[in-house]
Amino acid sequence: MRFRRYLGEQYKKEDQIRNEKTVLPITTIYILGFTHPEIETACIRVE
């Protein structure tokens, strides 16, 4: 529950970049505990 509350606060938080307030994206990273036969690399990016 504590982690969910932390993520909610991060979604609402605005950062300042070049004197402009903006909301930064949150990147989700999944760590799998097994190999997938169709994926030959250690990491992939999915849009």
C-alpha atoms as a PDB file:
ATOM      1  CA  MET A   1       0.000   0.000   0.000  1.00  0.00           C
ATOM      2  CA  ARG A   2       2.882   2.340   0.784  1.00  0.00           C
ATOM      3  CA  PHE A   3       4.358   1.865  -2.703  1.00  0.00           C
ATOM      4  CA  ARG A   4       0.993   2.577  -4.358  1.00  0.00           C
ATOM      5  CA  ARG A   5       0.695   5.788  -2.351  1.00  0.00           C
ATOM      6  CA  TYR A   6       4.246   6.745  -3.432  1.00  0.00           C
ATOM      7  CA  LEU A   7       3.391   6.203  -7.116  1.00  0.00           C
ATOM      8  CA  GLY A   8       0.243   8.292  -6.774  1.00  0.00           C
ATOM      9  CA  GLU A   9       2.274  11.166  -5.344  1.00  0.00           C
ATOM     10  CA  GLN A  10       4.789  10.880  -8.178  1.00  0.00           C
ATOM     11  CA  TYR A  11       2.015  11.045 -10.804  1.00  0.00           C
ATOM     12  CA  LYS A  12       0.788  14.341  -9.315  1.00  0.00           C
ATOM     13  CA  LYS A  13       4.229  15.867  -8.827  1.00  0.00           C
ATOM     14  CA  GLU A  14       5.344  18.651 -11.187  1.00  0.00           C
ATOM     15  CA  ASP A  15       9.034  19.210 -11.963  1.00  0.00           C
ATOM     16  CA  GLN A  16      10.626  22.358 -13.266  1.00  0.00           C
ATOM     17  CA  ILE A  17      12.583  22.126 -16.523  1.00  0.00           C
ATOM     18  CA  ARG A  18      13.952  25.305 -18.124  1.00  0.00           C
ATOM     19  CA  ASN A  19      11.780  27.388 -15.779  1.00  0.00           C
ATOM     20  CA  GLU A  20       8.611  25.597 -16.937  1.00  0.00           C
ATOM     21  CA  LYS A  21       6.537  23.360 -14.692  1.00  0.00           C
ATOM     22  CA  THR A  22       5.871  20.034 -16.349  1.00  0.00           C
ATOM     23  CA  VAL A  23       4.792  16.544 -15.341  1.00  0.00           C
ATOM     24  CA  LEU A  24       7.459  13.966 -16.129  1.00  0.00           C
ATOM     25  CA  PRO A  25       6.451  10.557 -17.467  1.00  0.00           C
ATOM     26  CA  ILE A  26       6.764   7.483 -15.294  1.00  0.00           C
ATOM     27  CA  THR A  27       8.562   4.590 -16.972  1.00  0.00           C
ATOM     28  CA  THR A  28       7.484   1.102 -15.996  1.00  0.00           C
ATOM     29  CA  ILE A  29      10.141  -1.594 -15.888  1.00  0.00           C
ATOM     30  CA  TYR A  30       9.143  -5.240 -15.640  1.00  0.00           C
ATOM     31  CA  ILE A  31      11.732  -7.699 -14.349  1.00  0.00           C
ATOM     32  CA  LEU A  32      10.902 -11.250 -15.359  1.00  0.00           C
ATOM     33  CA  GLY A  33      12.180 -14.227 -13.430  1.00  0.00           C
ATOM     34  CA  PHE A  34      12.307 -16.464 -16.480  1.00  0.00           C
ATOM     35  CA  THR A  35      13.569 -16.462 -20.057  1.00  0.00           C
ATOM     36  CA  HIS A  36      11.264 -15.985 -23.012  1.00  0.00           C
ATOM     37  CA  PRO A  37      12.203 -18.077 -26.084  1.00  0.00           C
ATOM     38  CA  GLU A  38      11.169 -15.365 -28.577  1.00  0.00           C
ATOM     39  CA  ILE A  39      13.319 -12.621 -26.978  1.00  0.00           C
ATOM     40  CA  GLU A  40      17.073 -12.965 -27.532  1.00  0.00           C
ATOM     41  CA  THR A  41      18.199  -9.736 -25.796  1.00  0.00           C
ATOM     42  CA  ALA A  42      18.368  -8.850 -22.122  1.00  0.00           C
ATOM     43  CA  CYS A  43      15.987  -5.878 -22.534  1.00  0.00           C
ATOM     44  CA  ILE A  44      13.452  -4.549 -25.037  1.00  0.00           C
ATOM     45  CA  ARG A  45      11.522  -1.322 -25.452  1.00  0.00           C
ATOM     46  CA  VAL A  46       7.831  -1.474 -26.246  1.00  0.00           C
ATOM     47  CA  GLU A  47       5.931   1.635 -27.358  1.00  0.00           C
END
